[in-house]
N, C-alpha and C. Protein backbone atom coordinates (compact mmCIF):
# COMPACT_ATOMS: atom_id res chain seq x y z
N MET A 1 0.79 -1.24 0.17
CA MET A 1 0.04 -0.21 0.26
C MET A 1 1.17 1.01 0.06
N LYS A 2 0.28 2.21 -0.52
CA LYS A 2 0.87 3.62 -0.66
C LYS A 2 0.16 4.96 -0.08
N CYS A 3 0.36 5.47 0.86
CA CYS A 3 -0.24 7.00 0.85
C CYS A 3 -0.19 7.92 0.11
N ARG A 4 -0.94 8.56 -0.59
CA ARG A 4 -1.52 9.37 -1.51
C ARG A 4 -0.63 10.42 -1.18
N LYS A 5 -0.35 10.90 0.03
CA LYS A 5 0.04 12.50 0.45
C LYS A 5 1.66 12.49 0.92
N CYS A 6 2.17 11.40 1.31
CA CYS A 6 3.64 11.30 1.79
C CYS A 6 4.28 10.29 0.77
N GLY A 7 3.57 9.20 0.26
CA GLY A 7 4.18 8.39 -0.53
C GLY A 7 4.96 7.07 0.78
N PHE A 8 4.50 7.11 1.49
CA PHE A 8 4.82 6.13 2.52
C PHE A 8 4.63 4.65 1.99
N LEU A 9 5.19 3.49 2.49
CA LEU A 9 4.84 2.17 1.50
C LEU A 9 4.77 1.28 2.15
N ARG A 10 4.13 0.67 2.54
CA ARG A 10 3.94 -0.52 3.52
C ARG A 10 3.52 -1.71 2.56
N GLU A 11 4.03 -2.98 3.16
CA GLU A 11 3.53 -4.26 3.01
C GLU A 11 2.10 -4.49 3.03
N PHE A 12 1.88 -5.06 1.81
CA PHE A 12 -0.02 -5.47 1.94
C PHE A 12 -0.08 -7.14 2.71
N SER A 13 -0.88 -7.52 3.54
CA SER A 13 -0.94 -8.84 3.58
C SER A 13 -1.14 -9.63 2.76
N THR A 14 -1.13 -10.77 2.19
CA THR A 14 -1.29 -11.77 0.96
C THR A 14 -2.62 -12.40 1.74
N ASP A 15 -3.33 -12.36 2.58
CA ASP A 15 -4.70 -13.08 2.74
C ASP A 15 -5.75 -12.12 2.67
N GLY A 16 -5.35 -10.91 2.07
CA GLY A 16 -6.32 -9.87 1.86
C GLY A 16 -7.33 -9.47 3.16
N SER A 17 -6.97 -9.77 4.16
CA SER A 17 -8.03 -9.58 5.49
C SER A 17 -7.57 -8.30 6.22
N LEU A 18 -8.37 -7.32 6.38
CA LEU A 18 -8.03 -6.10 7.30
C LEU A 18 -8.06 -6.49 8.55
N GLN A 19 -7.31 -5.46 9.67
CA GLN A 19 -6.61 -6.01 10.96
C GLN A 19 -7.73 -4.64 11.86
N ARG A 20 -8.22 -4.83 12.77
CA ARG A 20 -9.24 -4.18 13.56
C ARG A 20 -8.30 -4.17 14.77
N THR A 21 -8.08 -2.79 15.34
CA THR A 21 -7.49 -2.65 16.71
C THR A 21 -8.67 -1.91 17.45
N ARG A 22 -8.25 -2.49 18.86
CA ARG A 22 -9.44 -2.16 20.08
C ARG A 22 -8.73 -0.64 20.95
N SER A 23 -7.34 -0.63 20.71
CA SER A 23 -6.82 0.39 21.36
C SER A 23 -7.09 1.99 20.59
N ARG A 24 -7.36 3.00 21.39
CA ARG A 24 -7.58 4.47 21.01
C ARG A 24 -6.38 5.18 21.84
N GLY A 25 -6.08 6.02 20.75
CA GLY A 25 -5.21 6.62 21.56
C GLY A 25 -5.96 8.17 21.89
N GLU A 26 -5.64 8.90 23.27
CA GLU A 26 -6.34 9.65 24.01
C GLU A 26 -5.73 10.89 23.24
N ARG A 27 -6.19 12.11 22.99
CA ARG A 27 -5.48 13.45 22.95
C ARG A 27 -5.45 13.97 24.28
N GLU A 28 -4.07 14.76 24.31
CA GLU A 28 -3.99 15.73 25.12
C GLU A 28 -4.70 17.23 25.04
N ILE A 29 -5.30 17.83 26.07
CA ILE A 29 -5.61 19.33 26.05
C ILE A 29 -4.45 19.79 26.59
N THR A 30 -3.68 20.95 26.15
CA THR A 30 -2.59 21.87 26.79
C THR A 30 -3.57 22.72 27.73
N ILE A 31 -3.05 22.87 28.89
CA ILE A 31 -3.35 24.20 29.34
C ILE A 31 -2.46 24.99 29.78
N ILE A 32 -2.58 26.19 29.34
CA ILE A 32 -1.44 26.90 29.34
C ILE A 32 -1.07 27.39 31.03
N ASP A 33 -0.16 27.40 31.73
CA ASP A 33 0.08 27.31 33.02
C ASP A 33 0.68 28.59 33.74
N ASP A 34 1.51 29.12 32.76
CA ASP A 34 2.56 30.37 32.65
C ASP A 34 2.23 31.18 31.63
N THR A 35 1.93 32.48 31.87
CA THR A 35 1.60 33.11 30.63
C THR A 35 2.89 33.97 30.10
N GLU A 36 3.99 33.96 31.07
CA GLU A 36 5.22 34.54 30.89
C GLU A 36 6.03 33.56 29.56
N LYS A 37 5.61 32.56 29.97
CA LYS A 37 6.33 31.23 29.28
C LYS A 37 6.10 31.41 27.53
N VAL A 38 4.64 31.93 27.37
CA VAL A 38 3.84 32.58 26.34
C VAL A 38 3.90 33.36 25.90
N PRO A 39 4.36 34.40 25.70
CA PRO A 39 4.13 35.96 25.75
C PRO A 39 3.13 36.12 24.39
N THR A 40 2.73 35.42 23.25
CA THR A 40 2.27 35.67 22.33
C THR A 40 1.09 35.47 22.17
N LEU A 41 0.44 35.14 23.47
CA LEU A 41 -1.15 35.05 23.13
C LEU A 41 -1.71 36.28 23.19
N PRO A 42 -2.89 36.25 22.30
CA PRO A 42 -3.76 37.51 22.22
C PRO A 42 -4.50 37.83 23.24
N THR A 43 -4.53 39.31 23.80
CA THR A 43 -5.27 39.97 24.59
C THR A 43 -6.58 40.48 23.99
N MET A 44 -7.52 40.72 25.04
CA MET A 44 -8.86 41.49 25.10
C MET A 44 -9.25 41.79 26.26
N THR A 45 -10.16 43.33 25.69
CA THR A 45 -10.73 44.06 26.96
C THR A 45 -11.78 43.27 27.48
N ILE A 46 -11.79 42.68 28.51
CA ILE A 46 -12.96 41.87 29.18
C ILE A 46 -12.50 41.95 30.70
N ARG A 47 -13.99 42.12 31.05
CA ARG A 47 -13.43 42.52 33.14
C ARG A 47 -13.68 40.77 33.65
N CYS A 48 -12.69 40.89 34.60
CA CYS A 48 -12.09 39.52 35.34
C CYS A 48 -13.34 39.93 36.25
N PRO A 49 -13.86 38.51 36.33
CA PRO A 49 -14.95 38.40 37.64
C PRO A 49 -14.27 38.26 38.92
N LYS A 50 -12.96 37.98 38.93
CA LYS A 50 -12.14 38.00 40.46
C LYS A 50 -11.75 39.50 40.83
N CYS A 51 -10.96 40.10 40.17
CA CYS A 51 -10.64 41.09 40.53
C CYS A 51 -11.17 42.78 39.85
N GLY A 52 -11.60 42.53 38.57
CA GLY A 52 -12.25 43.05 38.07
C GLY A 52 -11.02 44.09 36.93
N ASN A 53 -10.34 43.47 36.55
CA ASN A 53 -8.91 43.92 35.82
C ASN A 53 -9.63 43.99 34.30
N ASN A 54 -9.60 44.90 34.07
CA ASN A 54 -10.05 44.84 31.99
C ASN A 54 -9.21 44.30 31.08
N ASN A 55 -8.22 43.79 31.34
CA ASN A 55 -7.43 42.96 30.41
C ASN A 55 -7.48 41.49 30.81
N ALA A 56 -7.41 40.43 29.54
CA ALA A 56 -7.13 39.26 29.97
C ALA A 56 -6.34 38.34 28.48
N PHE A 57 -5.85 37.72 28.92
CA PHE A 57 -5.18 36.49 27.87
C PHE A 57 -6.20 35.62 27.29
N TRP A 58 -6.40 35.31 26.16
CA TRP A 58 -7.78 34.46 25.32
C TRP A 58 -6.82 33.24 24.74
N TRP A 59 -7.74 32.21 24.45
CA TRP A 59 -7.43 31.00 23.50
C TRP A 59 -8.67 30.30 23.32
N LEU A 60 -8.48 29.42 22.41
CA LEU A 60 -9.41 29.05 21.97
C LEU A 60 -9.35 26.96 22.21
N ARG A 61 -10.30 26.41 22.41
CA ARG A 61 -10.11 24.75 22.38
C ARG A 61 -11.85 24.76 22.11
N GLN A 62 -11.67 23.07 21.58
CA GLN A 62 -12.47 22.65 21.11
C GLN A 62 -12.65 21.05 21.91
N LEU A 63 -13.71 21.41 22.93
CA LEU A 63 -13.85 20.78 23.80
C LEU A 63 -14.94 19.41 23.72
N ARG A 64 -15.91 19.98 23.22
CA ARG A 64 -16.87 18.91 22.63
C ARG A 64 -16.99 18.51 21.62
N ALA A 65 -17.96 18.34 20.56
CA ALA A 65 -18.02 17.22 19.65
C ALA A 65 -17.50 18.43 18.37
N ALA A 66 -17.33 17.86 17.38
CA ALA A 66 -16.72 18.94 16.26
C ALA A 66 -17.52 19.84 15.71
N ASP A 67 -19.05 19.10 15.63
CA ASP A 67 -20.02 20.17 15.33
C ASP A 67 -20.67 21.26 16.34
N GLU A 68 -20.17 21.25 17.26
CA GLU A 68 -20.66 22.32 18.63
C GLU A 68 -19.46 23.60 18.26
N SER A 69 -19.55 24.48 18.76
CA SER A 69 -19.01 25.86 18.97
C SER A 69 -17.75 25.63 19.84
N GLU A 70 -16.43 26.37 19.83
CA GLU A 70 -15.43 26.02 20.72
C GLU A 70 -15.66 26.73 21.76
N VAL A 71 -15.06 26.63 22.80
CA VAL A 71 -14.80 27.22 24.20
C VAL A 71 -13.69 28.40 24.25
N ARG A 72 -14.23 29.31 24.48
CA ARG A 72 -12.76 30.41 24.76
C ARG A 72 -12.64 30.67 25.90
N PHE A 73 -10.79 30.02 26.56
CA PHE A 73 -10.53 30.27 28.08
C PHE A 73 -10.16 31.86 27.95
N PHE A 74 -10.13 32.25 29.23
CA PHE A 74 -9.22 33.92 29.65
C PHE A 74 -8.57 33.34 30.69
N ARG A 75 -7.93 34.41 30.63
CA ARG A 75 -6.76 34.58 32.18
C ARG A 75 -6.30 35.69 32.13
N CYS A 76 -6.60 36.44 33.51
CA CYS A 76 -6.19 37.88 33.89
C CYS A 76 -5.01 38.16 33.83
N CYS A 77 -4.64 39.28 33.52
CA CYS A 77 -3.31 39.47 33.38
C CYS A 77 -2.63 39.93 34.39
N LYS A 78 -3.48 40.57 35.56
CA LYS A 78 -3.35 40.90 36.68
C LYS A 78 -3.47 39.70 38.02
N CYS A 79 -4.53 38.92 37.94
CA CYS A 79 -4.36 37.98 38.80
C CYS A 79 -4.43 36.26 38.43
N ASP A 80 -4.57 36.44 37.55
CA ASP A 80 -3.76 35.20 36.81
C ASP A 80 -5.28 34.38 37.03
N HIS A 81 -6.30 34.25 37.13
CA HIS A 81 -7.19 33.98 37.17
C HIS A 81 -7.86 33.31 35.75
N THR A 82 -8.47 32.22 35.76
CA THR A 82 -8.90 31.65 34.94
C THR A 82 -10.20 31.33 34.32
N TRP A 83 -10.99 31.57 33.34
CA TRP A 83 -12.27 31.57 33.19
C TRP A 83 -12.64 31.02 32.00
N ARG A 84 -13.99 30.58 31.33
CA ARG A 84 -14.35 30.00 30.22
C ARG A 84 -15.66 30.72 29.84
N GLN A 85 -15.67 30.66 28.71
CA GLN A 85 -17.11 31.31 28.18
C GLN A 85 -17.47 30.32 26.89
N TYR A 86 -18.71 30.08 26.88
CA TYR A 86 -19.10 29.21 25.89
C TYR A 86 -19.71 29.94 25.01
N ASP A 87 -19.93 29.61 23.47
CA ASP A 87 -20.07 30.76 22.27
C ASP A 87 -21.53 29.81 21.94
């Protein structure tokens, strides 16, 4: 067999049967713990529910099914409080 995208070649079994696997790889969700390590996160003007600051970093994550909207996470630039907003 040959991959159409990358050209990877793999020997095909001669008996013509398919193999089914039961293991499933879990995907990791990256949570950003230190904003100093990632200074490129976008910021926006939104009020922090904890300290009242008006500036927060934000990022998007797909937590539910692909046909549902993403979840927007916010982290306050002042007190590091993290909260989420569903669209």
